[in-house]
Every structure is written in C-alpha cells, then in structure tokens.
PDB file of N, CA and C in Angstrom:
ATOM      1  N   PHE A   1      64.402 -22.916 -12.606  1.00  0.00           N
ATOM      2  CA  PHE A   1      65.105 -24.112 -12.946  1.00  0.00           C
ATOM      3  C   PHE A   1      64.892 -24.899 -15.064  1.00  0.00           C
ATOM      4  N   VAL A   2      65.638 -24.529 -15.590  1.00  0.00           N
ATOM      5  CA  VAL A   2      65.593 -25.061 -16.554  1.00  0.00           C
ATOM      6  C   VAL A   2      66.054 -26.642 -17.180  1.00  0.00           C
ATOM      7  N   LEU A   3      65.305 -27.107 -17.511  1.00  0.00           N
ATOM      8  CA  LEU A   3      66.518 -28.736 -17.546  1.00  0.00           C
ATOM      9  C   LEU A   3      65.977 -29.227 -18.597  1.00  0.00           C
ATOM     10  N   ASP A   4      66.882 -29.767 -19.505  1.00  0.00           N
ATOM     11  CA  ASP A   4      67.010 -30.047 -20.967  1.00  0.00           C
ATOM     12  C   ASP A   4      66.064 -31.911 -20.728  1.00  0.00           C
ATOM     13  N   ASP A   5      66.073 -32.776 -21.800  1.00  0.00           N
ATOM     14  CA  ASP A   5      64.978 -33.588 -21.400  1.00  0.00           C
ATOM     15  C   ASP A   5      65.921 -35.183 -21.108  1.00  0.00           C
ATOM     16  N   ALA A   6      67.551 -34.742 -21.088  1.00  0.00           N
ATOM     17  CA  ALA A   6      68.021 -35.910 -19.994  1.00  0.00           C
ATOM     18  C   ALA A   6      68.187 -35.342 -18.199  1.00  0.00           C
ATOM     19  N   GLY A   7      68.075 -34.373 -18.450  1.00  0.00           N
ATOM     20  CA  GLY A   7      67.788 -33.553 -16.538  1.00  0.00           C
ATOM     21  C   GLY A   7      68.776 -32.877 -16.061  1.00  0.00           C
ATOM     22  N   ALA A   8      69.593 -32.237 -16.885  1.00  0.00           N
ATOM     23  CA  ALA A   8      70.242 -32.029 -17.400  1.00  0.00           C
ATOM     24  C   ALA A   8      69.985 -30.596 -16.534  1.00  0.00           C
ATOM     25  N   LEU A   9      70.551 -29.440 -15.818  1.00  0.00           N
ATOM     26  CA  LEU A   9      69.937 -28.037 -15.866  1.00  0.00           C
ATOM     27  C   LEU A   9      70.669 -27.226 -16.884  1.00  0.00           C
ATOM     28  N   LYS A  10      69.302 -26.123 -17.872  1.00  0.00           N
ATOM     29  CA  LYS A  10      69.940 -26.278 -19.343  1.00  0.00           C
ATOM     30  C   LYS A  10      69.964 -24.565 -18.574  1.00  0.00           C
ATOM     31  N   ASP A  11      69.493 -24.123 -17.326  1.00  0.00           N
ATOM     32  CA  ASP A  11      69.340 -22.208 -17.325  1.00  0.00           C
ATOM     33  C   ASP A  11      68.450 -22.088 -16.076  1.00  0.00           C
ATOM     34  N   THR A  12      69.079 -21.214 -15.416  1.00  0.00           N
ATOM     35  CA  THR A  12      68.427 -20.605 -14.182  1.00  0.00           C
ATOM     36  C   THR A  12      67.615 -18.760 -13.639  1.00  0.00           C
ATOM     37  N   ARG A  13      66.527 -18.670 -13.345  1.00  0.00           N
ATOM     38  CA  ARG A  13      66.514 -17.499 -13.231  1.00  0.00           C
ATOM     39  C   ARG A  13      65.996 -17.103 -11.642  1.00  0.00           C
ATOM     40  N   ILE A  14      67.030 -16.033 -10.910  1.00  0.00           N
ATOM     41  CA  ILE A  14      66.497 -15.904  -9.582  1.00  0.00           C
ATOM     42  C   ILE A  14      65.638 -14.876  -9.444  1.00  0.00           C
ATOM     43  N   ASP A  15      64.209 -14.638  -9.329  1.00  0.00           N
ATOM     44  CA  ASP A  15      63.489 -13.238  -8.823  1.00  0.00           C
ATOM     45  C   ASP A  15      63.917 -13.060  -7.268  1.00  0.00           C
ATOM     46  N   GLY A  16      62.691 -11.780  -7.284  1.00  0.00           N
ATOM     47  CA  GLY A  16      62.344 -11.450  -5.764  1.00  0.00           C
ATOM     48  C   GLY A  16      63.573 -10.346  -5.711  1.00  0.00           C
ATOM     49  N   THR A  17      63.776  -9.962  -4.491  1.00  0.00           N
ATOM     50  CA  THR A  17      64.137  -8.888  -4.137  1.00  0.00           C
ATOM     51  C   THR A  17      65.364  -9.130  -2.859  1.00  0.00           C
ATOM     52  N   GLY A  18      65.774 -10.374  -2.703  1.00  0.00           N
ATOM     53  CA  GLY A  18      67.357 -10.710  -2.687  1.00  0.00           C
ATOM     54  C   GLY A  18      68.296  -9.645  -2.180  1.00  0.00           C
ATOM     55  N   SER A  19      69.337  -9.820  -0.672  1.00  0.00           N
ATOM     56  CA  SER A  19      70.184  -8.654  -1.437  1.00  0.00           C
ATOM     57  C   SER A  19      71.435  -9.325  -2.126  1.00  0.00           C
ATOM     58  N   PRO A  20      72.324  -8.807  -3.019  1.00  0.00           N
ATOM     59  CA  PRO A  20      73.485  -8.948  -3.445  1.00  0.00           C
ATOM     60  C   PRO A  20      74.318 -10.028  -3.154  1.00  0.00           C
ATOM     61  N   ALA A  21      74.558 -10.131  -1.742  1.00  0.00           N
ATOM     62  CA  ALA A  21      75.019 -11.572  -1.353  1.00  0.00           C
ATOM     63  C   ALA A  21      74.416 -12.323  -0.635  1.00  0.00           C
ATOM     64  N   LEU A  22      72.851 -12.467  -0.935  1.00  0.00           N
ATOM     65  CA  LEU A  22      72.381 -13.765  -1.341  1.00  0.00           C
ATOM     66  C   LEU A  22      72.103 -14.062  -2.456  1.00  0.00           C
ATOM     67  N   VAL A  23      71.958 -13.449  -3.285  1.00  0.00           N
ATOM     68  CA  VAL A  23      71.841 -13.798  -4.627  1.00  0.00           C
ATOM     69  C   VAL A  23      73.463 -13.921  -4.822  1.00  0.00           C
ATOM     70  N   ALA A  24      74.626 -13.977  -4.677  1.00  0.00           N
ATOM     71  CA  ALA A  24      75.794 -14.128  -5.258  1.00  0.00           C
ATOM     72  C   ALA A  24      75.923 -15.286  -3.976  1.00  0.00           C
ATOM     73  N   GLY A  25      75.314 -15.931  -3.382  1.00  0.00           N
ATOM     74  CA  GLY A  25      75.190 -17.112  -2.834  1.00  0.00           C
ATOM     75  C   GLY A  25      74.253 -17.973  -3.311  1.00  0.00           C
ATOM     76  N   ILE A  26      73.644 -18.054  -3.715  1.00  0.00           N
ATOM     77  CA  ILE A  26      72.396 -18.125  -4.445  1.00  0.00           C
ATOM     78  C   ILE A  26      73.416 -19.380  -6.077  1.00  0.00           C
ATOM     79  N   HIS A  27      74.321 -18.190  -6.100  1.00  0.00           N
ATOM     80  CA  HIS A  27      75.181 -18.363  -7.927  1.00  0.00           C
ATOM     81  C   HIS A  27      75.843 -19.582  -7.537  1.00  0.00           C
ATOM     82  N   ARG A  28      76.223 -19.188  -6.470  1.00  0.00           N
ATOM     83  CA  ARG A  28      77.547 -20.284  -5.699  1.00  0.00           C
ATOM     84  C   ARG A  28      77.123 -21.639  -6.355  1.00  0.00           C
ATOM     85  N   THR A  29      76.279 -21.371  -5.255  1.00  0.00           N
ATOM     86  CA  THR A  29      75.159 -23.044  -4.866  1.00  0.00           C
ATOM     87  C   THR A  29      74.530 -24.174  -6.095  1.00  0.00           C
ATOM     88  N   LEU A  30      74.277 -22.731  -7.238  1.00  0.00           N
ATOM     89  CA  LEU A  30      74.150 -22.868  -8.393  1.00  0.00           C
ATOM     90  C   LEU A  30      75.813 -23.808  -9.330  1.00  0.00           C
ATOM     91  N   ALA A  31      76.296 -22.915  -9.142  1.00  0.00           N
ATOM     92  CA  ALA A  31      77.443 -23.502  -9.216  1.00  0.00           C
ATOM     93  C   ALA A  31      78.128 -25.132  -9.112  1.00  0.00           C
ATOM     94  N   LEU A  32      77.365 -25.404  -8.395  1.00  0.00           N
ATOM     95  CA  LEU A  32      77.686 -26.437  -7.420  1.00  0.00           C
ATOM     96  C   LEU A  32      77.221 -27.672  -7.792  1.00  0.00           C
ATOM     97  N   ILE A  33      76.160 -27.275  -7.932  1.00  0.00           N
ATOM     98  CA  ILE A  33      75.164 -28.567  -7.925  1.00  0.00           C
ATOM     99  C   ILE A  33      74.990 -28.275  -9.720  1.00  0.00           C
ATOM    100  N   ARG A  34      75.343 -28.029 -10.406  1.00  0.00           N
ATOM    101  CA  ARG A  34      74.859 -28.293 -11.954  1.00  0.00           C
ATOM    102  C   ARG A  34      75.198 -29.232 -12.281  1.00  0.00           C
ATOM    103  N   SER A  35      76.211 -29.663 -12.235  1.00  0.00           N
ATOM    104  CA  SER A  35      76.482 -30.954 -13.238  1.00  0.00           C
ATOM    105  C   SER A  35      76.032 -31.805 -12.230  1.00  0.00           C
ATOM    106  N   ARG A  36      74.872 -31.819 -11.576  1.00  0.00           N
ATOM    107  CA  ARG A  36      74.287 -33.037 -11.171  1.00  0.00           C
ATOM    108  C   ARG A  36      72.211 -33.349 -12.255  1.00  0.00           C
ATOM    109  N   THR A  37      72.073 -34.684 -11.878  1.00  0.00           N
ATOM    110  CA  THR A  37      70.984 -34.385 -13.065  1.00  0.00           C
ATOM    111  C   THR A  37      69.621 -34.247 -12.409  1.00  0.00           C
ATOM    112  N   PHE A  38      68.663 -33.488 -12.314  1.00  0.00           N
ATOM    113  CA  PHE A  38      67.521 -33.487 -11.574  1.00  0.00           C
ATOM    114  C   PHE A  38      66.046 -34.199 -12.298  1.00  0.00           C
ATOM    115  N   THR A  39      65.607 -33.833 -11.806  1.00  0.00           N
ATOM    116  CA  THR A  39      63.897 -34.312 -12.311  1.00  0.00           C
ATOM    117  C   THR A  39      62.696 -33.782 -12.025  1.00  0.00           C
ATOM    118  N   ALA A  40      61.897 -33.698 -12.729  1.00  0.00           N
ATOM    119  CA  ALA A  40      60.901 -32.350 -12.673  1.00  0.00           C
ATOM    120  C   ALA A  40      59.600 -33.290 -13.111  1.00  0.00           C
ATOM    121  N   ARG A  41      58.178 -32.877 -12.832  1.00  0.00           N
ATOM    122  CA  ARG A  41      57.547 -32.751 -13.830  1.00  0.00           C
ATOM    123  C   ARG A  41      57.555 -31.943 -15.507  1.00  0.00           C
ATOM    124  N   GLY A  42      58.260 -31.275 -15.949  1.00  0.00           N
ATOM    125  CA  GLY A  42      58.109 -30.725 -16.495  1.00  0.00           C
ATOM    126  C   GLY A  42      59.556 -29.907 -16.842  1.00  0.00           C
ATOM    127  N   ALA A  43      59.262 -29.253 -18.260  1.00  0.00           N
ATOM    128  CA  ALA A  43      60.873 -28.481 -18.146  1.00  0.00           C
ATOM    129  C   ALA A  43      61.474 -27.876 -17.453  1.00  0.00           C
ATOM    130  N   SER A  44      60.382 -26.897 -17.218  1.00  0.00           N
ATOM    131  CA  SER A  44      60.913 -25.346 -16.197  1.00  0.00           C
ATOM    132  C   SER A  44      59.316 -25.714 -15.361  1.00  0.00           C
ATOM    133  N   THR A  45      60.766 -25.906 -14.066  1.00  0.00           N
ATOM    134  CA  THR A  45      60.136 -26.070 -12.563  1.00  0.00           C
ATOM    135  C   THR A  45      60.480 -24.818 -11.706  1.00  0.00           C
ATOM    136  N   ARG A  46      59.631 -24.057 -11.105  1.00  0.00           N
ATOM    137  CA  ARG A  46      59.741 -23.169 -10.070  1.00  0.00           C
ATOM    138  C   ARG A  46      59.527 -23.237  -9.347  1.00  0.00           C
ATOM    139  N   LEU A  47      60.532 -22.895  -7.969  1.00  0.00           N
ATOM    140  CA  LEU A  47      60.855 -22.875  -7.438  1.00  0.00           C
ATOM    141  C   LEU A  47      60.867 -21.986  -5.868  1.00  0.00           C
ATOM    142  N   SER A  48      60.204 -22.291  -5.045  1.00  0.00           N
ATOM    143  CA  SER A  48      60.153 -21.326  -3.919  1.00  0.00           C
ATOM    144  C   SER A  48      60.985 -21.345  -2.360  1.00  0.00           C
ATOM    145  N   VAL A  49      62.190 -20.689  -2.518  1.00  0.00           N
ATOM    146  CA  VAL A  49      63.200 -20.802  -1.280  1.00  0.00           C
ATOM    147  C   VAL A  49      63.037 -19.859  -0.081  1.00  0.00           C
ATOM    148  N   ARG A  50      63.120 -20.055   0.746  1.00  0.00           N
ATOM    149  CA  ARG A  50      62.683 -19.446   1.995  1.00  0.00           C
ATOM    150  C   ARG A  50      64.198 -19.558   2.647  1.00  0.00           C
ATOM    151  N   ALA A  51      64.975 -18.906   3.560  1.00  0.00           N
ATOM    152  CA  ALA A  51      65.945 -19.115   4.289  1.00  0.00           C
ATOM    153  C   ALA A  51      65.746 -17.940   5.814  1.00  0.00           C
ATOM    154  N   VAL A  52      66.150 -18.921   6.764  1.00  0.00           N
ATOM    155  CA  VAL A  52      66.232 -18.024   8.532  1.00  0.00           C
ATOM    156  C   VAL A  52      67.691 -18.492   8.539  1.00  0.00           C
ATOM    157  N   VAL A  53      68.132 -16.957   9.095  1.00  0.00           N
ATOM    158  CA  VAL A  53      69.362 -17.537   9.190  1.00  0.00           C
ATOM    159  C   VAL A  53      69.330 -16.903  10.947  1.00  0.00           C
ATOM    160  N   SER A  54      69.589 -17.509  12.172  1.00  0.00           N
ATOM    161  CA  SER A  54      69.294 -17.202  12.878  1.00  0.00           C
ATOM    162  C   SER A  54      70.224 -18.087  14.062  1.00  0.00           C
ATOM    163  N   PRO A  55      70.505 -17.166  15.665  1.00  0.00           N
ATOM    164  CA  PRO A  55      71.722 -17.846  16.421  1.00  0.00           C
ATOM    165  C   PRO A  55      71.041 -19.591  16.690  1.00  0.00           C
ATOM    166  N   ASP A  56      72.197 -20.629  16.507  1.00  0.00           N
ATOM    167  CA  ASP A  56      71.979 -22.309  16.785  1.00  0.00           C
ATOM    168  C   ASP A  56      71.698 -22.009  18.683  1.00  0.00           C
ATOM    169  N   VAL A  57      70.831 -22.530  18.742  1.00  0.00           N
ATOM    170  CA  VAL A  57      70.558 -22.739  20.729  1.00  0.00           C
ATOM    171  C   VAL A  57      70.696 -23.985  20.870  1.00  0.00           C
ATOM    172  N   ALA A  58      71.005 -24.798  19.809  1.00  0.00           N
ATOM    173  CA  ALA A  58      70.692 -26.281  20.074  1.00  0.00           C
ATOM    174  C   ALA A  58      72.451 -27.167  19.811  1.00  0.00           C
ATOM    175  N   HIS A  59      72.663 -25.784  19.470  1.00  0.00           N
ATOM    176  CA  HIS A  59      74.651 -26.071  19.288  1.00  0.00           C
ATOM    177  C   HIS A  59      74.871 -26.623  19.977  1.00  0.00           C
ATOM    178  N   ASP A  60      75.342 -27.905  20.840  1.00  0.00           N
ATOM    179  CA  ASP A  60      75.569 -29.076  22.129  1.00  0.00           C
ATOM    180  C   ASP A  60      76.681 -30.090  21.632  1.00  0.00           C
ATOM    181  N   GLY A  61      76.941 -29.609  20.086  1.00  0.00           N
ATOM    182  CA  GLY A  61      78.184 -30.515  20.728  1.00  0.00           C
ATOM    183  C   GLY A  61      77.565 -32.337  19.428  1.00  0.00           C
ATOM    184  N   LEU A  62      76.424 -32.636  19.795  1.00  0.00           N
ATOM    185  CA  LEU A  62      76.176 -33.657  19.173  1.00  0.00           C
ATOM    186  C   LEU A  62      75.731 -33.560  17.860  1.00  0.00           C
ATOM    187  N   HIS A  63      76.026 -32.503  17.797  1.00  0.00           N
ATOM    188  CA  HIS A  63      75.555 -32.400  16.107  1.00  0.00           C
ATOM    189  C   HIS A  63      76.489 -32.082  15.412  1.00  0.00           C
ATOM    190  N   GLY A  64      78.020 -32.362  16.129  1.00  0.00           N
ATOM    191  CA  GLY A  64      79.315 -32.100  15.448  1.00  0.00           C
ATOM    192  C   GLY A  64      80.340 -30.681  15.765  1.00  0.00           C
ATOM    193  N   ASP A  65      81.326 -30.337  15.897  1.00  0.00           N
ATOM    194  CA  ASP A  65      81.785 -29.620  17.024  1.00  0.00           C
ATOM    195  C   ASP A  65      82.181 -28.389  15.702  1.00  0.00           C
ATOM    196  N   VAL A  66      81.884 -28.782  14.565  1.00  0.00           N
ATOM    197  CA  VAL A  66      82.251 -27.572  13.514  1.00  0.00           C
ATOM    198  C   VAL A  66      81.299 -27.502  12.353  1.00  0.00           C
ATOM    199  N   PHE A  67      80.487 -28.285  12.107  1.00  0.00           N
ATOM    200  CA  PHE A  67      79.777 -28.202  11.226  1.00  0.00           C
ATOM    201  C   PHE A  67      78.155 -29.081  11.447  1.00  0.00           C
ATOM    202  N   ALA A  68      77.098 -29.161  10.877  1.00  0.00           N
ATOM    203  CA  ALA A  68      76.362 -30.440  11.213  1.00  0.00           C
ATOM    204  C   ALA A  68      75.404 -29.685  10.058  1.00  0.00           C
ATOM    205  N   VAL A  69      74.273 -30.863  10.038  1.00  0.00           N
ATOM    206  CA  VAL A  69      73.599 -30.831   8.646  1.00  0.00           C
ATOM    207  C   VAL A  69      72.268 -31.945   8.781  1.00  0.00           C
ATOM    208  N   GLY A  70      71.336 -31.417   8.479  1.00  0.00           N
ATOM    209  CA  GLY A  70      70.637 -32.074   8.110  1.00  0.00           C
ATOM    210  C   GLY A  70      69.143 -32.308   7.115  1.00  0.00           C
ATOM    211  N   ALA A  71      67.971 -32.594   6.309  1.00  0.00           N
ATOM    212  CA  ALA A  71      67.564 -32.311   5.155  1.00  0.00           C
ATOM    213  C   ALA A  71      66.418 -33.898   5.546  1.00  0.00           C
ATOM    214  N   GLY A  72      65.204 -32.744   4.954  1.00  0.00           N
ATOM    215  CA  GLY A  72      63.968 -33.522   4.574  1.00  0.00           C
ATOM    216  C   GLY A  72      63.335 -33.761   3.489  1.00  0.00           C
ATOM    217  N   PHE A  73      62.355 -35.086   2.899  1.00  0.00           N
ATOM    218  CA  PHE A  73      61.212 -33.907   1.654  1.00  0.00           C
ATOM    219  C   PHE A  73      60.228 -35.049   2.005  1.00  0.00           C
ATOM    220  N   GLN A  74      59.571 -34.192   1.752  1.00  0.00           N
ATOM    221  CA  GLN A  74      57.859 -34.350   1.691  1.00  0.00           C
ATOM    222  C   GLN A  74      56.921 -34.243   0.627  1.00  0.00           C
ATOM    223  N   GLY A  75      56.250 -34.938   0.180  1.00  0.00           N
ATOM    224  CA  GLY A  75      55.626 -34.049  -1.339  1.00  0.00           C
ATOM    225  C   GLY A  75      56.234 -33.706  -1.598  1.00  0.00           C
ATOM    226  N   ARG A  76      55.851 -32.225  -2.229  1.00  0.00           N
ATOM    227  CA  ARG A  76      56.965 -31.430  -3.384  1.00  0.00           C
ATOM    228  C   ARG A  76      57.318 -29.871  -1.993  1.00  0.00           C
ATOM    229  N   GLU A  77      57.134 -30.245  -0.830  1.00  0.00           N
ATOM    230  CA  GLU A  77      58.415 -29.658  -0.183  1.00  0.00           C
ATOM    231  C   GLU A  77      59.844 -30.106   0.514  1.00  0.00           C
ATOM    232  N   GLY A  78      60.285 -29.221   0.542  1.00  0.00           N
ATOM    233  CA  GLY A  78      61.940 -30.171   1.316  1.00  0.00           C
ATOM    234  C   GLY A  78      62.111 -29.170   1.994  1.00  0.00           C
ATOM    235  N   THR A  79      63.313 -29.308   3.998  1.00  0.00           N
ATOM    236  CA  THR A  79      63.477 -28.654   4.039  1.00  0.00           C
ATOM    237  C   THR A  79      64.790 -28.982   4.674  1.00  0.00           C
ATOM    238  N   ALA A  80      66.177 -28.309   4.779  1.00  0.00           N
ATOM    239  CA  ALA A  80      66.947 -28.493   5.238  1.00  0.00           C
ATOM    240  C   ALA A  80      67.657 -27.302   6.367  1.00  0.00           C
ATOM    241  N   PHE A  81      68.467 -27.601   7.040  1.00  0.00           N
ATOM    242  CA  PHE A  81      69.255 -26.655   8.112  1.00  0.00           C
ATOM    243  C   PHE A  81      70.884 -27.501   8.162  1.00  0.00           C
ATOM    244  N   PHE A  82      71.664 -26.018   8.265  1.00  0.00           N
ATOM    245  CA  PHE A  82      72.895 -26.909   9.044  1.00  0.00           C
ATOM    246  C   PHE A  82      73.158 -25.236   9.889  1.00  0.00           C
ATOM    247  N   ALA A  83      73.953 -25.833  10.385  1.00  0.00           N
ATOM    248  CA  ALA A  83      74.694 -25.276  11.669  1.00  0.00           C
ATOM    249  C   ALA A  83      76.214 -24.434  11.456  1.00  0.00           C
ATOM    250  N   LEU A  84      76.830 -23.675  11.901  1.00  0.00           N
ATOM    251  CA  LEU A  84      78.497 -23.686  11.692  1.00  0.00           C
ATOM    252  C   LEU A  84      78.737 -23.654  13.177  1.00  0.00           C
ATOM    253  N   ALA A  85      80.002 -23.344  13.508  1.00  0.00           N
ATOM    254  CA  ALA A  85      80.407 -23.763  14.773  1.00  0.00           C
ATOM    255  C   ALA A  85      80.752 -21.945  15.193  1.00  0.00           C
ATOM    256  N   ILE A  86      80.303 -21.003  14.393  1.00  0.00           N
ATOM    257  CA  ILE A  86      80.562 -19.534  15.100  1.00  0.00           C
ATOM    258  C   ILE A  86      79.575 -19.552  15.921  1.00  0.00           C
ATOM    259  N   GLY A  87      78.198 -20.534  15.970  1.00  0.00           N
ATOM    260  CA  GLY A  87      77.188 -20.025  16.202  1.00  0.00           C
ATOM    261  C   GLY A  87      75.538 -20.167  15.020  1.00  0.00           C
ATOM    262  N   ARG A  88      75.811 -20.135  14.612  1.00  0.00           N
ATOM    263  CA  ARG A  88      74.328 -19.772  13.412  1.00  0.00           C
ATOM    264  C   ARG A  88      74.142 -21.083  12.480  1.00  0.00           C
ATOM    265  N   ARG A  89      73.073 -20.788  12.874  1.00  0.00           N
ATOM    266  CA  ARG A  89      71.966 -21.982  12.068  1.00  0.00           C
ATOM    267  C   ARG A  89      71.154 -21.401  10.768  1.00  0.00           C
ATOM    268  N   ILE A  90      71.160 -22.204   9.842  1.00  0.00           N
ATOM    269  CA  ILE A  90      70.342 -21.781   8.751  1.00  0.00           C
ATOM    270  C   ILE A  90      69.063 -22.892   8.229  1.00  0.00           C
ATOM    271  N   ASP A  91      68.021 -22.109   8.086  1.00  0.00           N
ATOM    272  CA  ASP A  91      67.030 -23.373   8.427  1.00  0.00           C
ATOM    273  C   ASP A  91      67.012 -22.888   6.276  1.00  0.00           C
ATOM    274  N   VAL A  92      66.812 -23.316   5.561  1.00  0.00           N
ATOM    275  CA  VAL A  92      65.936 -23.868   4.313  1.00  0.00           C
ATOM    276  C   VAL A  92      64.405 -24.675   4.093  1.00  0.00           C
ATOM    277  N   HIS A  93      63.576 -23.917   3.490  1.00  0.00           N
ATOM    278  CA  HIS A  93      62.720 -24.574   2.315  1.00  0.00           C
ATOM    279  C   HIS A  93      62.656 -24.201   1.498  1.00  0.00           C
ATOM    280  N   VAL A  94      61.943 -25.412   0.588  1.00  0.00           N
ATOM    281  CA  VAL A  94      62.267 -25.218  -0.782  1.00  0.00           C
ATOM    282  C   VAL A  94      60.968 -25.669  -1.293  1.00  0.00           C
ATOM    283  N   SER A  95      60.027 -25.298  -2.012  1.00  0.00           N
ATOM    284  CA  SER A  95      58.484 -25.752  -2.429  1.00  0.00           C
ATOM    285  C   SER A  95      58.585 -25.623  -3.426  1.00  0.00           C
ATOM    286  N   GLU A  96      57.791 -25.906  -4.851  1.00  0.00           N
ATOM    287  CA  GLU A  96      57.904 -26.667  -5.990  1.00  0.00           C
ATOM    288  C   GLU A  96      56.446 -25.023  -5.849  1.00  0.00           C
ATOM    289  N   ARG A  97      56.994 -24.245  -7.069  1.00  0.00           N
ATOM    290  CA  ARG A  97      55.568 -23.395  -6.731  1.00  0.00           C
ATOM    291  C   ARG A  97      54.662 -23.861  -7.985  1.00  0.00           C
ATOM    292  N   LYS A  98      53.431 -23.291  -8.534  1.00  0.00           N
ATOM    293  CA  LYS A  98      52.687 -23.745  -9.883  1.00  0.00           C
ATOM    294  C   LYS A  98      52.113 -22.076 -10.720  1.00  0.00           C
TER     295      LYS A  98
END
C-alpha cells in the first residue's frame, strides 16, 4: 500500500505467485476499501497476507445461518475469518512486513 499524507490509498502492488482468481479477488477487495482512510508507520507499508480455505466444520448455526465473520488485531498482526452457508471457511492472517 502506498498512502498519501492524509492516509488515502494512492497505489497498491501485489507480489507473489497467487492464482489469477486470487489476484482478481484481491483487486475486488481493494476496490471496496480504497475510499477508506489508512494509518501506517510510513508512506509505504508492505503486508503479508496468508489465507486458508477449509471446510467449515464449526458451522452450527451459532455464527449465522448464511454468513459468519470475526476478526482480531494485536501488535502488528491481524486475523479474520468468514464462513459461508456453502460449508467453506476462509481464515486470513495479515502482518506487517519489514
């Protein structure tokens, strides 16, 4: 992420060997968050994002019958998950790269 002095997202770069579907999903997500204000220790922040797609073995209706979501943040790392009614759970781990 490259930010301006006001915290607006000016530019992004995606590195790595993600599949075309993953890269397209990242671009769609960035389109949704682009209008938000960000904070960072510097104008350029490198993030490491790891996601795991797995069967949703905990889908018990307590998380919502259609969609479940949760997140947490501690220090320089954040985690989130969402689960879909189709039986898939996506766990995401984001950390700042130095």
